[in-house]
Amino acid sequence: MKRVLKILFFMIIGPGSVIVLIPYLIISFFSPPDYYKIVRLQYIGIIPFLIGLVISLRCFYDFISVGKGTPVPIDPPKKLVIIGMYRFVRNPMYIGILFLLFGEAIFFKSFVLLGYTACVYCLFQIFIIGFEEPMLKTKFGKEYEDYCKIVPRWLIHLSKNK
């Protein structure tokens, strides 16, 4: 139960604010008056949004079931997660979040939200290179280094791994 509460807290505070709160504030502040006029083409944004949602939920599941931890920094995985989508790319959870944001930008016809998505990508890149990867190398050693040699950081690698 305690772990479930940690996960819910992380989902609300972390991705919840990046995916829901900040985009809502951006849309509220920068939207043109016809914000509520939905055109059919906007519904295309639902596709990347749903792809991002599926990717993110699968990654959360893998962290809990295989990693025996959570994406929450105070309860990180005890085991390196290299199954599921992590076989093809090292950062599928971040990719899922970017898909969610891209879908929102399309749906809400917001270039500002698209710019926000680009900024989030840049922040992810800085965080991954400056903090996450060094921490994973320290925690998992050679296992993580070997994984990095096989699986790319951002571009999906579709050949069979392991």
Foldseek 3Di string as FASTA:
>chain_A
DVQVVLQVVCVCPPLVCLLPVVVVVCCVVPPDPVQVDFDPQLCVLVVLLVVLVVLQVVVQVQQVPVQVFGPRPVTGGLDDRCDDQNVFAVDSNLVSSLSNQSSVCSNRVHPVSVVSSVVSVVVVVCCCVVPVLVVCCVNVNPVVVVSCVNYYHPDTHPDGDD
